[in-house]
């Protein structure tokens, strides 16, 4: 019973940290650009404002447009039940593994693209087509990158991968792990709409991907989609932090171990947030036809990670 309570607490922690993480990245970027910027807790105010606003729906939108935000939000929450956020192993680890996480992430992407197409606007269709182009390469790369870790652990269960890495720390600096980390880091930039793939701070019609699909949303629908996007950023940061550098993840349900795990997780997320902010202030957005080339590099890195893990196993 304690394990199931911890699963629910893990979901609550992810929901609580996600807006703050997005705000922290914005704040660090502003500081690096010699701007004051909004405070890190600004996204919480944005959520409160959006949940209080009226919903405006296009006359051309169907039931799918209203249904999609709940599916996107629910599928993203489901992922937080399957990843080692603060402890491993957990009761729900047996219900899903690497493939389940990938398909749940893809489910949210699929419904977001459908929602962008549903109102029949040009921007929505443009963003949906671009999103599917990115997802077609990014989603297999996620599976391959983590599968490279699974070969060494002997299981595709994410909690099992963490415990095996903790039991054999030298694996964390193996070529397979380093290549997989590089591949997943590039995919994180693409899947979360960060530079150089997408720019989360612009609404320019010719460059946006994620923003193009949600232009028709407002009120609580927009709040759910934005919250899900911030939660997705937290999920990818957690995968990078806890699968490749699992030290600090609790392997027991003792209060002291869990408290250390939460503190360690916040520190890891902050470090990754600073790295992302530095990358975004140092690189320019790629042209759209160059994005598949970048994602192709990440796919090759993930393939090399699997090959290296298989040969060195």
Protein backbone atom coordinates (compact mmCIF):
# COMPACT_ATOMS: atom_id res chain seq x y z
CA UNK A 1 0.00 0.00 0.00
CA UNK A 2 2.89 2.36 0.76
CA UNK A 3 4.20 1.84 -2.77
CA UNK A 4 0.90 2.87 -4.36
CA UNK A 5 0.71 5.96 -2.16
CA UNK A 6 4.23 6.82 -3.26
CA UNK A 7 3.16 6.44 -6.90
CA UNK A 8 0.41 9.01 -6.37
CA UNK A 9 2.83 11.27 -4.50
CA UNK A 10 5.22 10.98 -7.44
CA UNK A 11 2.50 12.16 -9.82
CA UNK A 12 1.70 15.08 -7.53
CA UNK A 13 5.37 16.02 -7.30
CA UNK A 14 5.74 15.97 -11.09
CA UNK A 15 2.65 18.14 -11.54
CA UNK A 16 3.94 20.57 -8.94
CA UNK A 17 7.49 20.81 -10.29
CA UNK A 18 6.66 20.99 -14.02
CA UNK A 19 5.55 24.67 -14.21
CA UNK A 20 8.41 25.71 -11.95
CA UNK A 21 10.96 23.92 -14.14
CA UNK A 22 9.67 25.67 -17.27
CA UNK A 23 9.74 29.01 -15.46
CA UNK A 24 13.25 28.36 -14.18
CA UNK A 25 14.54 27.70 -17.72
CA UNK A 26 12.93 30.94 -18.92
CA UNK A 27 14.44 32.87 -16.01
CA UNK A 28 17.95 31.51 -16.60
CA UNK A 29 17.70 32.32 -20.32
CA UNK A 30 16.66 35.87 -19.50
CA UNK A 31 19.63 36.27 -17.15
CA UNK A 32 22.03 34.90 -19.74
CA UNK A 33 20.64 37.45 -22.22
CA UNK A 34 21.08 40.31 -19.72
CA UNK A 35 17.33 40.62 -19.21
CA UNK A 36 15.46 40.64 -15.92
CA UNK A 37 12.81 38.22 -17.15
CA UNK A 38 9.74 36.89 -15.39
CA UNK A 39 10.21 35.10 -12.04
CA UNK A 40 10.51 31.29 -12.13
CA UNK A 41 7.04 30.90 -10.60
CA UNK A 42 5.33 32.85 -13.40
CA UNK A 43 3.89 29.68 -15.07
CA UNK A 44 1.83 29.00 -11.94
CA UNK A 45 0.16 32.39 -12.37
CA UNK A 46 -0.40 31.61 -16.05
CA UNK A 47 -2.16 28.35 -15.20
CA UNK A 48 -4.40 30.07 -12.66
CA UNK A 49 -5.31 32.75 -15.19
CA UNK A 50 -6.05 30.25 -17.97
CA UNK A 51 -8.22 28.02 -15.77
CA UNK A 52 -10.27 31.10 -14.90
CA UNK A 53 -10.78 32.25 -18.49
CA UNK A 54 -13.72 31.43 -20.74
CA UNK A 55 -13.29 28.73 -23.39
CA UNK A 56 -13.73 29.91 -26.98
CA UNK A 57 -14.16 27.14 -29.57
CA UNK A 58 -14.21 27.49 -33.34
CA UNK A 59 -17.48 26.70 -35.11
CA UNK A 60 -15.57 24.27 -37.33
CA UNK A 61 -14.21 22.26 -34.38
CA UNK A 62 -15.65 18.85 -33.57
CA UNK A 63 -15.84 16.86 -30.34
CA UNK A 64 -12.24 15.81 -30.93
CA UNK A 65 -11.04 19.38 -30.36
CA UNK A 66 -12.65 19.41 -26.90
CA UNK A 67 -11.60 15.86 -26.05
CA UNK A 68 -7.92 16.09 -27.07
CA UNK A 69 -6.62 18.24 -24.15
CA UNK A 70 -7.84 15.69 -21.61
CA UNK A 71 -6.24 12.80 -23.52
CA UNK A 72 -2.95 14.71 -23.86
CA UNK A 73 -2.91 15.59 -20.17
CA UNK A 74 -3.95 12.10 -18.99
CA UNK A 75 -1.42 10.27 -21.18
CA UNK A 76 1.37 12.50 -19.90
CA UNK A 77 0.35 11.88 -16.28
CA UNK A 78 0.31 8.13 -16.99
CA UNK A 79 3.97 8.33 -18.02
CA UNK A 80 4.90 9.74 -14.60
CA UNK A 81 3.56 6.53 -13.04
CA UNK A 82 6.01 4.44 -15.07
CA UNK A 83 9.27 6.36 -14.75
CA UNK A 84 11.63 6.27 -11.73
CA UNK A 85 11.04 9.80 -10.52
CA UNK A 86 12.06 9.51 -6.87
CA UNK A 87 12.17 5.77 -6.15
CA UNK A 88 12.78 2.43 -7.84
CA UNK A 89 11.33 -0.12 -8.10
CA UNK A 90 7.66 0.84 -7.68
CA UNK A 91 4.41 -1.18 -7.92
CA UNK A 92 3.39 0.14 -11.33
CA UNK A 93 6.73 -0.84 -12.88
CA UNK A 94 5.20 -4.18 -13.80
CA UNK A 95 2.39 -2.53 -15.77
CA UNK A 96 4.60 -0.79 -18.29
CA UNK A 97 8.15 -0.53 -19.50
CA UNK A 98 10.14 1.34 -22.12
CA UNK A 99 7.69 0.60 -24.94
CA UNK A 100 4.67 1.66 -22.88
CA UNK A 101 6.35 5.01 -22.06
CA UNK A 102 7.17 5.62 -25.74
CA UNK A 103 3.63 4.79 -26.88
CA UNK A 104 2.02 6.97 -24.22
CA UNK A 105 4.20 9.90 -25.29
CA UNK A 106 3.28 9.20 -28.91
CA UNK A 107 -0.40 9.04 -27.99
CA UNK A 108 -0.29 12.60 -26.67
CA UNK A 109 1.59 13.78 -29.76
CA UNK A 110 -0.95 12.05 -32.03
CA UNK A 111 -3.97 13.69 -30.41
CA UNK A 112 -2.23 17.08 -30.32
CA UNK A 113 -1.67 16.82 -34.08
CA UNK A 114 -5.32 15.81 -34.62
CA UNK A 115 -6.45 18.76 -32.51
CA UNK A 116 -4.33 21.08 -34.63
CA UNK A 117 -5.95 19.75 -37.80
CA UNK A 118 -9.53 19.67 -36.50
CA UNK A 119 -10.49 23.39 -36.74
CA UNK A 120 -9.28 23.46 -40.35
CA UNK A 121 -6.91 26.42 -39.97
CA UNK A 122 -3.76 26.75 -42.05
CA UNK A 123 -1.48 27.21 -39.04
CA UNK A 124 -2.86 24.16 -37.26
CA UNK A 125 -2.34 21.97 -40.30
CA UNK A 126 1.18 23.32 -40.78
CA UNK A 127 2.12 22.67 -37.15
CA UNK A 128 0.59 19.17 -37.18
CA UNK A 129 2.52 18.13 -40.30
CA UNK A 130 5.77 19.43 -38.83
CA UNK A 131 5.10 17.71 -35.51
CA UNK A 132 4.55 14.37 -37.25
CA UNK A 133 7.79 14.82 -39.18
CA UNK A 134 9.67 15.33 -35.93
CA UNK A 135 7.86 12.49 -34.12
CA UNK A 136 8.55 10.01 -36.92
CA UNK A 137 12.27 10.19 -36.14
CA UNK A 138 12.26 11.21 -32.49
CA UNK A 139 10.04 8.47 -31.06
CA UNK A 140 12.08 5.53 -32.44
CA UNK A 141 15.23 7.27 -31.19
CA UNK A 142 13.83 7.38 -27.63
CA UNK A 143 13.14 3.65 -27.76
CA UNK A 144 16.59 2.85 -29.18
CA UNK A 145 18.47 5.08 -26.74
CA UNK A 146 16.83 3.53 -23.67
CA UNK A 147 17.02 0.06 -25.23
CA UNK A 148 20.78 0.49 -25.23
CA UNK A 149 20.56 0.77 -21.44
CA UNK A 150 18.11 -2.12 -21.28
CA UNK A 151 20.61 -4.47 -22.91
CA UNK A 152 23.03 -3.98 -20.06
CA UNK A 153 20.33 -4.25 -17.41
CA UNK A 154 18.69 -7.28 -19.00
CA UNK A 155 15.25 -5.66 -18.84
CA UNK A 156 13.25 -2.91 -20.54
CA UNK A 157 11.75 -1.97 -17.17
CA UNK A 158 12.94 1.53 -16.28
CA UNK A 159 13.10 0.85 -12.54
CA UNK A 160 15.20 -2.24 -13.23
CA UNK A 161 17.59 -0.17 -15.35
CA UNK A 162 18.08 2.28 -12.47
CA UNK A 163 18.73 -0.43 -9.87
CA UNK A 164 21.15 -2.24 -12.14
CA UNK A 165 23.11 0.94 -12.81
CA UNK A 166 23.27 1.64 -9.08
CA UNK A 167 24.55 -1.90 -8.51
CA UNK A 168 27.20 -1.52 -11.24
CA UNK A 169 28.25 2.18 -11.34
CA UNK A 170 30.96 1.68 -13.98
CA UNK A 171 28.24 1.10 -16.58
CA UNK A 172 27.32 4.81 -16.37
CA UNK A 173 30.56 5.81 -18.10
CA UNK A 174 30.47 3.08 -20.74
CA UNK A 175 30.38 4.10 -24.43
CA UNK A 176 26.84 2.80 -24.80
CA UNK A 177 25.53 4.97 -21.97
CA UNK A 178 27.32 8.08 -23.19
CA UNK A 179 26.07 7.64 -26.76
CA UNK A 180 22.54 6.98 -25.54
CA UNK A 181 22.66 10.10 -23.36
CA UNK A 182 23.72 12.24 -26.33
CA UNK A 183 20.93 10.77 -28.48
CA UNK A 184 18.25 11.28 -25.82
CA UNK A 185 19.44 14.83 -25.11
CA UNK A 186 18.98 15.79 -28.78
CA UNK A 187 15.55 14.14 -28.82
CA UNK A 188 14.62 16.04 -25.65
CA UNK A 189 15.21 19.31 -27.50
CA UNK A 190 12.93 18.16 -30.32
CA UNK A 191 10.16 16.54 -28.28
CA UNK A 192 9.83 19.47 -25.88
CA UNK A 193 9.93 22.16 -28.58
CA UNK A 194 13.27 23.72 -27.64
CA UNK A 195 15.90 25.38 -29.79
CA UNK A 196 17.33 24.58 -32.30
CA UNK A 197 14.26 22.54 -33.38
CA UNK A 198 11.49 24.89 -32.21
CA UNK A 199 11.37 28.18 -30.33
CA UNK A 200 8.98 28.16 -27.34
CA UNK A 201 9.22 31.94 -27.00
CA UNK A 202 7.92 32.95 -30.43
CA UNK A 203 4.67 32.99 -32.37
CA UNK A 204 6.17 33.60 -35.80
CA UNK A 205 4.05 31.72 -38.31
CA UNK A 206 6.93 30.40 -40.40
CA UNK A 207 8.89 28.92 -37.49
CA UNK A 208 6.47 27.56 -34.92
CA UNK A 209 5.55 23.90 -34.50
CA UNK A 210 3.97 23.38 -31.07
CA UNK A 211 2.44 26.85 -30.89
CA UNK A 212 0.84 26.45 -34.32
CA UNK A 213 -1.19 23.47 -33.13
CA UNK A 214 -2.59 25.21 -30.04
CA UNK A 215 -3.39 28.65 -31.49
CA UNK A 216 -7.13 27.87 -31.46
CA UNK A 217 -7.17 26.78 -27.82
CA UNK A 218 -8.10 28.97 -24.87
CA UNK A 219 -9.17 28.77 -21.26
CA UNK A 220 -8.89 25.46 -19.43
CA UNK A 221 -8.12 23.58 -22.67
CA UNK A 222 -5.02 25.68 -23.23
CA UNK A 223 -4.09 25.35 -19.55
CA UNK A 224 -4.17 21.53 -19.77
CA UNK A 225 -2.09 21.47 -22.96
CA UNK A 226 0.51 23.88 -21.58
CA UNK A 227 0.69 21.98 -18.30
CA UNK A 228 1.13 18.72 -20.23
CA UNK A 229 3.94 20.29 -22.28
CA UNK A 230 5.76 21.41 -19.11
CA UNK A 231 5.18 17.97 -17.60
CA UNK A 232 6.67 16.39 -20.72
CA UNK A 233 9.79 18.54 -20.26
CA UNK A 234 10.02 17.30 -16.66
CA UNK A 235 9.64 13.68 -17.83
CA UNK A 236 12.46 13.94 -20.34
CA UNK A 237 14.71 15.69 -17.84
CA UNK A 238 13.95 12.93 -15.33
CA UNK A 239 14.83 10.24 -17.87
CA UNK A 240 18.13 11.97 -18.58
CA UNK A 241 18.85 12.44 -14.89
CA UNK A 242 17.74 9.18 -13.33
CA UNK A 243 18.49 6.65 -16.06
CA UNK A 244 22.01 7.87 -16.76
CA UNK A 245 22.93 9.38 -13.36
CA UNK A 246 20.70 7.40 -10.98
CA UNK A 247 22.53 8.27 -7.75
CA UNK A 248 20.10 9.76 -5.29
CA UNK A 249 17.10 7.69 -6.43
CA UNK A 250 15.62 5.94 -3.39
CA UNK A 251 15.75 2.14 -3.42
CA UNK A 252 13.83 1.89 -0.14
CA UNK A 253 10.64 3.54 1.08
CA UNK A 254 12.23 5.05 4.18
CA UNK A 255 11.35 8.76 4.71
CA UNK A 256 15.00 9.85 4.87
CA UNK A 257 15.84 8.13 1.56
CA UNK A 258 12.78 9.63 -0.12
CA UNK A 259 13.62 13.13 1.15
CA UNK A 260 17.16 12.82 -0.21
CA UNK A 261 15.73 11.55 -3.51
CA UNK A 262 13.41 14.56 -3.87
CA UNK A 263 16.23 16.99 -3.10
CA UNK A 264 18.55 15.22 -5.54
CA UNK A 265 15.89 15.25 -8.24
CA UNK A 266 15.35 19.00 -7.88
CA UNK A 267 19.11 19.60 -8.14
CA UNK A 268 19.38 17.40 -11.25
CA UNK A 269 16.43 19.16 -12.91
CA UNK A 270 17.97 22.55 -12.10
CA UNK A 271 21.32 21.54 -13.61
CA UNK A 272 19.66 20.25 -16.79
CA UNK A 273 17.56 23.41 -16.93
CA UNK A 274 20.70 25.55 -16.85
CA UNK A 275 22.27 23.40 -19.60
CA UNK A 276 19.18 23.77 -21.80
CA UNK A 277 19.12 27.53 -21.19
CA UNK A 278 22.80 27.83 -22.17
CA UNK A 279 22.23 25.77 -25.33
CA UNK A 280 19.25 27.91 -26.32
CA UNK A 281 21.21 31.13 -25.90
CA UNK A 282 24.17 29.82 -27.92
CA UNK A 283 22.47 28.23 -30.95
CA UNK A 284 20.14 29.56 -33.61
CA UNK A 285 16.98 27.86 -34.79
CA UNK A 286 17.57 25.41 -37.61
CA UNK A 287 15.73 25.72 -40.87
CA UNK A 288 12.91 23.21 -41.09
CA UNK A 289 14.57 20.99 -43.69
CA UNK A 290 17.68 20.74 -41.47
CA UNK A 291 15.74 19.39 -38.48
CA UNK A 292 15.49 15.81 -39.87
CA UNK A 293 19.27 15.87 -40.32
CA UNK A 294 19.77 16.69 -36.64
CA UNK A 295 17.30 14.02 -35.59
CA UNK A 296 18.99 11.60 -37.97
CA UNK A 297 22.22 12.19 -36.06
CA UNK A 298 20.44 11.36 -32.80
CA UNK A 299 19.06 8.16 -34.34
CA UNK A 300 22.54 7.09 -35.46
CA UNK A 301 23.89 7.82 -31.96
CA UNK A 302 21.14 5.69 -30.43
CA UNK A 303 21.88 2.89 -32.91
CA UNK A 304 25.56 3.06 -32.02
CA UNK A 305 24.60 2.95 -28.33
CA UNK A 306 22.66 -0.26 -28.87
CA UNK A 307 25.49 -1.77 -30.91
CA UNK A 308 28.07 -0.81 -28.30
CA UNK A 309 25.98 -2.19 -25.44
CA UNK A 310 25.43 -5.44 -27.33
CA UNK A 311 29.12 -5.91 -28.14
CA UNK A 312 30.32 -5.01 -24.64
CA UNK A 313 27.66 -6.98 -22.84
